[in-house]
Amino acid sequence: EEIETILNAIDERGTHEIDAFLIISGLGGGTGSGGSPVLAKYLSEMYSEPVYAIGILPAPEEGKLYSLNAARSMISMLKYVDNLVLVDNGAWKFEGLSLKESFAKINEEIVRRLAVLARAGEPVEAGLVGEMVVDSSEVINTLRGGGISSIGYATSKAEERKKGRFSLFRKKEKELEEIENDKPLKIASLVRRAALGRLTIPCNIRSAERALVLIAGPPDHLDRKGLEKAKLWLEDQIAGVEVRAGDYPTRKTKHVAALVLLANITDIPRVRELQRLAAEAKEEVEIAERSRIEKTLALFDEDIEPLI
């Protein structure tokens, strides 16, 4: 019944203006872990657009049963989605915040990354032109083939040049040139921070099959050479050779943001740990079930024969 409600809402809206479907859910609880694969199955069967999912993994301290739910859900999701981006709750702990505040912060970080990724292919502001453009089709090509992906993100404040009223206080031409020449280094460094810093799920980036880099920020602080340098660096870091890169100039922010999408990663310690906890939980459930049956049967006299 819920599926019909969702599909009817999609049909009413239409799919002619969308590039893909995105399912976001927690994989540890009952609703998200059970409902998301079902929704993904229906969407993949009924529509031609790719279906992606962002799955939030439970932290280890949430218990083995949550790990079992997440492991089962991941196996099911990977059958139907075109790519699964994982977010590890355990890796996103914020000191001094309550549980509710931490969850809100994690949600904020997810949205921040999606906001940058969603800019791919979007029209830029009037009078602005990206030097290296990536569109939605390149995001789709990066995520093709199924598998698990992770997203890295880093920002830096765009420093404004301050000019004095008199020539004595103005920056010298040589100093301005040094600032200009430093832009490629700043962009390349920001991309490295995004790739090697806090990923949505920690992984060995050398196991990534493909990658995409997107830089967004004030046009004066974007740099083609820096982006090309970062692209070459990332090509040397991942297992594959496909790295797409682009920029999105905007005057609506005073920060430069770098997003790195690592697609089809295979070396993910947290997933291995999750599988171990899930296997232990499954064994404990089976042992408890056998024990319950044995104790129940022990309530009856052995001389009493069953009807069937």
Foldseek 3Di string as FASTA:
>chain_A
DVLVVVVVVDVVVDCPPPQAAEAEAEQQDDCRLPVVLVNLQVCQVPDPHFYEYEYEQEAPVVALSSLLSNLNSVVSNLVRHQEYEYAYLNLQDDPPDDPVVSVVVLVVVVVVQVVQVQCQQPDADPPDDWPAGGHPVVVCVLSGDTAYKKKFKFKDFQDDQDADPDPVRGDDPVVVVVVLVCLLVVLLVRQVCRVPDDISADFQLQQFAAKEKEKEEAPSNDDPNSQVVNLVVSCVRYVHNHYHYIYHHHPPDRMMMMMMMRYRGDGGVVNVVSVVSSVVVVVVVVVVVVVVVVVVVVVDDPPDDDPD
